[in-house]
Every structure is written in C-alpha cells, then in structure tokens.
Amino acid sequence: MFLLLQLGQYDEARHLWRRLPPSISISHTFQQLWKITCGIINSDSESVFNLIQTLERESEELLEKENMKNECGNLRDIYRSRLEKSFTKCYSKLSVQNAQKLLGFQNDEDTLNYMKDSGWKTISGKENKMYLTPPSSLQKSVSVENASNTIDEKLTTLTDMVMFMEKKRFSV
C-alpha cells in the first residue's frame, strides 16, 4: 500500500483495502495506512501528516523500524511535493500560516525554507503578515493557450462520447 500511495494510485490503494476478506486480521500499521489513504482521497492534508507522524512514532516499536521510518519519510516528501505543485496551479498568493498547516510543518521557518527551495517568493501583506507567491516561470506556463488546448481536447472527447452513444442507440 505504501508503494501505491507513493505512486499516487489512491484508487488502487482503496481497492486493495476493499479486496481484503473480512476473515483476515488486519495489522494496526495497515489500518493506519488505510486512514492515510482516506485522508489523501478526501484532500485532508492536515490529518495525513498527523497520521504519518503517528505511524513514524509507532514504527520505533516495530522490528523493521528503519524501513518503516524511511517509507513514512518518503511518503511525506512525495505528498508535500504534490501539494506544492498543486498550490502553484491554484494560488497566486498563499499565506505562510496556511501553507504551514496544509504542508504539515511545525513552524513558519521550515515552511518558508521548503517553499523558497521550491522557487516561491515571500511578500509582505497587511499587518506584517507574510505571503508566498509561486515561481513566475510556472505561473506563465499555465497560459490561456494551454487552457484553450485543454478545453478543445475535452470538447473533442465529449463529442466522441456522444457520437458513440448515438451510434449505439440507433444500432439497437
């Protein structure tokens, strides 16, 4: 399940969970992984990072604590990078406090360092509140031309689907 989560295959992780027969005893670790999967699917990043941290603490009691700790760290890093990339597409300005909460950091300094390493810039706002702005090169890449291409592709797909359904309807 760790591998599926790291690959971003959340639906497959959900199906893996549902395919388990009820007679099988499910380990606590596997239940924690399922809760992490649910948090990712529901876009509840705060609970995802809390659950990963809990799993890391509990893994110290397990025999293979190093492997589990490494996997938890990898999962956290991958999920953070995916969130940061989605922030680039969604936000033109993001407060440091919101970024800290969404990315699962403990303090503003760690959040600022991570976001600056990813190319984000800081600006001051009202009442000395700090904001982050995405890298300008990535903002420009989401242009009107790309948006119109995406709309054209979606329209073409929709048209193909309607034509297919009409053929089926008239063939019967």
C-alpha atoms as a PDB file:
ATOM      1  CA  MET A   1       0.000   0.000   0.000  1.00  0.00           C
ATOM      2  CA  PHE A   2       2.970   2.309   0.647  1.00  0.00           C
ATOM      3  CA  LEU A   3       4.042   1.878  -2.951  1.00  0.00           C
ATOM      4  CA  LEU A   4       0.577   2.675  -4.292  1.00  0.00           C
ATOM      5  CA  LEU A   5       0.411   5.816  -2.148  1.00  0.00           C
ATOM      6  CA  GLN A   6       3.857   6.942  -3.292  1.00  0.00           C
ATOM      7  CA  LEU A   7       2.886   6.420  -6.920  1.00  0.00           C
ATOM      8  CA  GLY A   8      -0.283   8.438  -6.439  1.00  0.00           C
ATOM      9  CA  GLN A   9      -2.509   5.444  -7.164  1.00  0.00           C
ATOM     10  CA  TYR A  10      -5.060   6.278  -4.469  1.00  0.00           C
ATOM     11  CA  ASP A  11      -7.973   4.452  -6.085  1.00  0.00           C
ATOM     12  CA  GLU A  12      -5.896   1.286  -6.401  1.00  0.00           C
ATOM     13  CA  ALA A  13      -4.966   1.554  -2.713  1.00  0.00           C
ATOM     14  CA  ARG A  14      -8.664   1.872  -1.886  1.00  0.00           C
ATOM     15  CA  HIS A  15      -9.470  -1.206  -3.995  1.00  0.00           C
ATOM     16  CA  LEU A  16      -6.663  -3.154  -2.324  1.00  0.00           C
ATOM     17  CA  TRP A  17      -8.192  -2.334   1.057  1.00  0.00           C
ATOM     18  CA  ARG A  18     -11.667  -3.349  -0.041  1.00  0.00           C
ATOM     19  CA  ARG A  19     -10.473  -6.661  -1.543  1.00  0.00           C
ATOM     20  CA  LEU A  20      -9.254  -7.938   1.814  1.00  0.00           C
ATOM     21  CA  PRO A  21     -11.539 -10.695   3.100  1.00  0.00           C
ATOM     22  CA  PRO A  22     -13.173  -9.948   6.466  1.00  0.00           C
ATOM     23  CA  SER A  23     -11.686 -13.095   7.968  1.00  0.00           C
ATOM     24  CA  ILE A  24      -8.131 -11.706   7.712  1.00  0.00           C
ATOM     25  CA  SER A  25      -6.788  -9.972  10.793  1.00  0.00           C
ATOM     26  CA  ILE A  26      -5.569  -6.546   9.709  1.00  0.00           C
ATOM     27  CA  SER A  27      -2.495  -5.134  11.417  1.00  0.00           C
ATOM     28  CA  HIS A  28      -2.543  -1.759  13.088  1.00  0.00           C
ATOM     29  CA  THR A  29       0.048  -0.474  10.605  1.00  0.00           C
ATOM     30  CA  PHE A  30      -2.145  -1.450   7.675  1.00  0.00           C
ATOM     31  CA  GLN A  31      -5.128   0.289   9.299  1.00  0.00           C
ATOM     32  CA  GLN A  32      -3.008   3.435   9.698  1.00  0.00           C
ATOM     33  CA  LEU A  33      -2.081   3.253   6.010  1.00  0.00           C
ATOM     34  CA  TRP A  34      -5.760   2.999   5.135  1.00  0.00           C
ATOM     35  CA  LYS A  35      -6.503   6.108   7.213  1.00  0.00           C
ATOM     36  CA  ILE A  36      -3.692   7.944   5.395  1.00  0.00           C
ATOM     37  CA  THR A  37      -5.200   6.855   2.069  1.00  0.00           C
ATOM     38  CA  CYS A  38      -8.632   8.146   3.130  1.00  0.00           C
ATOM     39  CA  GLY A  39      -7.079  11.473   4.124  1.00  0.00           C
ATOM     40  CA  ILE A  40      -5.362  11.791   0.750  1.00  0.00           C
ATOM     41  CA  ILE A  41      -8.530  10.908  -1.147  1.00  0.00           C
ATOM     42  CA  ASN A  42     -10.526  13.438   0.911  1.00  0.00           C
ATOM     43  CA  SER A  43      -7.822  16.126   0.485  1.00  0.00           C
ATOM     44  CA  ASP A  44      -7.364  16.406   4.251  1.00  0.00           C
ATOM     45  CA  SER A  45      -3.637  17.103   4.284  1.00  0.00           C
ATOM     46  CA  GLU A  46      -3.566  18.072   7.953  1.00  0.00           C
ATOM     47  CA  SER A  47      -4.778  14.630   9.062  1.00  0.00           C
ATOM     48  CA  VAL A  48      -2.493  12.904   6.530  1.00  0.00           C
ATOM     49  CA  PHE A  49       0.611  14.498   8.029  1.00  0.00           C
ATOM     50  CA  ASN A  50      -0.583  13.802  11.589  1.00  0.00           C
ATOM     51  CA  LEU A  51      -1.188  10.138  10.713  1.00  0.00           C
ATOM     52  CA  ILE A  52       2.222   9.813   9.039  1.00  0.00           C
ATOM     53  CA  GLN A  53       3.855  11.302  12.122  1.00  0.00           C
ATOM     54  CA  THR A  54       1.927   8.892  14.361  1.00  0.00           C
ATOM     55  CA  LEU A  55       2.930   5.941  12.182  1.00  0.00           C
ATOM     56  CA  GLU A  56       6.565   7.044  12.372  1.00  0.00           C
ATOM     57  CA  ARG A  57       6.439   7.179  16.180  1.00  0.00           C
ATOM     58  CA  GLU A  58       4.759   3.786  16.382  1.00  0.00           C
ATOM     59  CA  SER A  59       7.253   2.258  13.942  1.00  0.00           C
ATOM     60  CA  GLU A  60      10.023   2.651  16.517  1.00  0.00           C
ATOM     61  CA  GLU A  61       8.439  -0.268  18.377  1.00  0.00           C
ATOM     62  CA  LEU A  62       8.425  -2.487  15.283  1.00  0.00           C
ATOM     63  CA  LEU A  63      11.248  -4.825  14.308  1.00  0.00           C
ATOM     64  CA  GLU A  64      11.855  -3.159  10.959  1.00  0.00           C
ATOM     65  CA  LYS A  65      11.695   0.373  12.279  1.00  0.00           C
ATOM     66  CA  GLU A  66      14.248   1.808   9.844  1.00  0.00           C
ATOM     67  CA  ASN A  67      12.360   0.627   6.757  1.00  0.00           C
ATOM     68  CA  MET A  68       9.049   1.923   8.093  1.00  0.00           C
ATOM     69  CA  LYS A  69      10.573   5.248   9.102  1.00  0.00           C
ATOM     70  CA  ASN A  70      12.163   5.649   5.651  1.00  0.00           C
ATOM     71  CA  GLU A  71       8.884   4.790   3.918  1.00  0.00           C
ATOM     72  CA  CYS A  72       6.977   7.285   6.070  1.00  0.00           C
ATOM     73  CA  GLY A  73       9.550   9.972   5.271  1.00  0.00           C
ATOM     74  CA  ASN A  74       9.364   9.194   1.554  1.00  0.00           C
ATOM     75  CA  LEU A  75       5.571   9.293   1.607  1.00  0.00           C
ATOM     76  CA  ARG A  76       5.578  12.642   3.431  1.00  0.00           C
ATOM     77  CA  ASP A  77       8.069  14.153   0.972  1.00  0.00           C
ATOM     78  CA  ILE A  78       6.204  12.911  -2.099  1.00  0.00           C
ATOM     79  CA  TYR A  79       2.848  14.136  -0.783  1.00  0.00           C
ATOM     80  CA  ARG A  80       4.338  17.537   0.107  1.00  0.00           C
ATOM     81  CA  SER A  81       5.821  17.967  -3.353  1.00  0.00           C
ATOM     82  CA  ARG A  82       2.491  17.069  -4.987  1.00  0.00           C
ATOM     83  CA  LEU A  83       0.688  19.566  -2.775  1.00  0.00           C
ATOM     84  CA  GLU A  84       3.255  22.265  -3.553  1.00  0.00           C
ATOM     85  CA  LYS A  85       2.826  21.667  -7.298  1.00  0.00           C
ATOM     86  CA  SER A  86      -0.943  21.911  -6.963  1.00  0.00           C
ATOM     87  CA  PHE A  87      -0.556  25.153  -4.983  1.00  0.00           C
ATOM     88  CA  THR A  88       1.412  26.567  -7.906  1.00  0.00           C
ATOM     89  CA  LYS A  89      -1.574  25.967 -10.180  1.00  0.00           C
ATOM     90  CA  CYS A  90      -4.224  27.130  -7.710  1.00  0.00           C
ATOM     91  CA  TYR A  91      -2.804  30.070  -5.773  1.00  0.00           C
ATOM     92  CA  SER A  92      -1.444  33.407  -6.837  1.00  0.00           C
ATOM     93  CA  LYS A  93      -0.769  34.251  -3.180  1.00  0.00           C
ATOM     94  CA  LEU A  94      -0.731  31.923  -0.153  1.00  0.00           C
ATOM     95  CA  SER A  95      -0.244  32.875   3.489  1.00  0.00           C
ATOM     96  CA  VAL A  96       2.644  31.233   5.299  1.00  0.00           C
ATOM     97  CA  GLN A  97       0.301  30.024   8.053  1.00  0.00           C
ATOM     98  CA  ASN A  98      -1.983  28.276   5.550  1.00  0.00           C
ATOM     99  CA  ALA A  99       0.993  26.726   3.773  1.00  0.00           C
ATOM    100  CA  GLN A 100       2.346  25.518   7.121  1.00  0.00           C
ATOM    101  CA  LYS A 101      -0.978  23.924   8.008  1.00  0.00           C
ATOM    102  CA  LEU A 102      -1.502  22.340   4.568  1.00  0.00           C
ATOM    103  CA  LEU A 103       2.064  21.056   4.209  1.00  0.00           C
ATOM    104  CA  GLY A 104       2.290  19.643   7.732  1.00  0.00           C
ATOM    105  CA  PHE A 105       5.189  21.704   9.033  1.00  0.00           C
ATOM    106  CA  GLN A 106       5.649  22.529  12.713  1.00  0.00           C
ATOM    107  CA  ASN A 107       6.769  26.153  12.287  1.00  0.00           C
ATOM    108  CA  ASP A 108       6.878  29.021   9.817  1.00  0.00           C
ATOM    109  CA  GLU A 109      10.641  28.826   9.331  1.00  0.00           C
ATOM    110  CA  ASP A 110      10.534  25.251   7.996  1.00  0.00           C
ATOM    111  CA  THR A 111       7.639  26.197   5.735  1.00  0.00           C
ATOM    112  CA  LEU A 112       9.473  29.225   4.352  1.00  0.00           C
ATOM    113  CA  ASN A 113      12.663  27.226   3.735  1.00  0.00           C
ATOM    114  CA  TYR A 114      10.773  24.463   1.904  1.00  0.00           C
ATOM    115  CA  MET A 115       8.762  26.852  -0.234  1.00  0.00           C
ATOM    116  CA  LYS A 116      11.790  29.042  -1.055  1.00  0.00           C
ATOM    117  CA  ASP A 117      13.695  25.910  -2.128  1.00  0.00           C
ATOM    118  CA  SER A 118      10.785  25.200  -4.483  1.00  0.00           C
ATOM    119  CA  GLY A 119      11.098  28.675  -6.006  1.00  0.00           C
ATOM    120  CA  TRP A 120       8.331  30.503  -4.138  1.00  0.00           C
ATOM    121  CA  LYS A 121       8.933  34.115  -3.111  1.00  0.00           C
ATOM    122  CA  THR A 122       7.847  35.926   0.034  1.00  0.00           C
ATOM    123  CA  ILE A 123       5.981  39.204   0.102  1.00  0.00           C
ATOM    124  CA  SER A 124       4.659  41.253   2.986  1.00  0.00           C
ATOM    125  CA  GLY A 125       0.965  41.858   3.363  1.00  0.00           C
ATOM    126  CA  LYS A 126      -1.304  43.758   5.664  1.00  0.00           C
ATOM    127  CA  GLU A 127      -0.459  43.776   9.367  1.00  0.00           C
ATOM    128  CA  ASN A 128       3.042  42.383   8.700  1.00  0.00           C
ATOM    129  CA  LYS A 129       1.587  39.076   7.516  1.00  0.00           C
ATOM    130  CA  MET A 130       3.882  37.081   5.223  1.00  0.00           C
ATOM    131  CA  TYR A 131       2.615  35.634   1.941  1.00  0.00           C
ATOM    132  CA  LEU A 132       4.138  33.324  -0.608  1.00  0.00           C
ATOM    133  CA  THR A 133       3.865  33.755  -4.365  1.00  0.00           C
ATOM    134  CA  PRO A 134       4.542  30.912  -6.810  1.00  0.00           C
ATOM    135  CA  PRO A 135       7.517  30.939  -9.167  1.00  0.00           C
ATOM    136  CA  SER A 136       6.815  33.246 -12.085  1.00  0.00           C
ATOM    137  CA  SER A 137       8.007  30.719 -14.693  1.00  0.00           C
ATOM    138  CA  LEU A 138       5.423  28.194 -13.528  1.00  0.00           C
ATOM    139  CA  GLN A 139       2.642  30.765 -13.442  1.00  0.00           C
ATOM    140  CA  LYS A 140       3.357  31.715 -17.050  1.00  0.00           C
ATOM    141  CA  SER A 141       3.255  28.075 -18.147  1.00  0.00           C
ATOM    142  CA  VAL A 142      -0.443  27.934 -17.286  1.00  0.00           C
ATOM    143  CA  SER A 143      -1.399  30.269 -20.088  1.00  0.00           C
ATOM    144  CA  VAL A 144      -4.580  30.917 -21.986  1.00  0.00           C
ATOM    145  CA  GLU A 145      -3.227  28.940 -24.921  1.00  0.00           C
ATOM    146  CA  ASN A 146      -2.766  25.827 -22.779  1.00  0.00           C
ATOM    147  CA  ALA A 147      -6.212  26.308 -21.285  1.00  0.00           C
ATOM    148  CA  SER A 148      -7.821  26.571 -24.722  1.00  0.00           C
ATOM    149  CA  ASN A 149      -6.000  23.397 -25.840  1.00  0.00           C
ATOM    150  CA  THR A 150      -7.316  21.597 -22.800  1.00  0.00           C
ATOM    151  CA  ILE A 151     -10.859  22.810 -23.488  1.00  0.00           C
ATOM    152  CA  ASP A 152     -10.559  21.693 -27.121  1.00  0.00           C
ATOM    153  CA  GLU A 153      -9.368  18.249 -26.037  1.00  0.00           C
ATOM    154  CA  LYS A 154     -12.225  17.911 -23.550  1.00  0.00           C
ATOM    155  CA  LEU A 155     -14.751  19.083 -26.134  1.00  0.00           C
ATOM    156  CA  THR A 156     -13.410  16.570 -28.662  1.00  0.00           C
ATOM    157  CA  THR A 157     -13.632  13.762 -26.099  1.00  0.00           C
ATOM    158  CA  LEU A 158     -17.170  14.748 -25.176  1.00  0.00           C
ATOM    159  CA  THR A 159     -18.201  14.876 -28.831  1.00  0.00           C
ATOM    160  CA  ASP A 160     -16.702  11.417 -29.437  1.00  0.00           C
ATOM    161  CA  MET A 161     -18.597  10.027 -26.453  1.00  0.00           C
ATOM    162  CA  VAL A 162     -21.921  11.498 -27.616  1.00  0.00           C
ATOM    163  CA  MET A 163     -21.399  10.168 -31.153  1.00  0.00           C
ATOM    164  CA  PHE A 164     -20.581   6.714 -29.767  1.00  0.00           C
ATOM    165  CA  MET A 165     -23.719   6.701 -27.630  1.00  0.00           C
ATOM    166  CA  GLU A 166     -25.873   7.842 -30.559  1.00  0.00           C
ATOM    167  CA  LYS A 167     -24.486   5.050 -32.724  1.00  0.00           C
ATOM    168  CA  LYS A 168     -25.312   2.541 -30.001  1.00  0.00           C
ATOM    169  CA  ARG A 169     -28.814   3.953 -29.615  1.00  0.00           C
ATOM    170  CA  PHE A 170     -29.584   3.805 -33.345  1.00  0.00           C
ATOM    171  CA  SER A 171     -27.976   0.380 -33.810  1.00  0.00           C
ATOM    172  CA  VAL A 172     -30.251  -1.289 -31.310  1.00  0.00           C
END
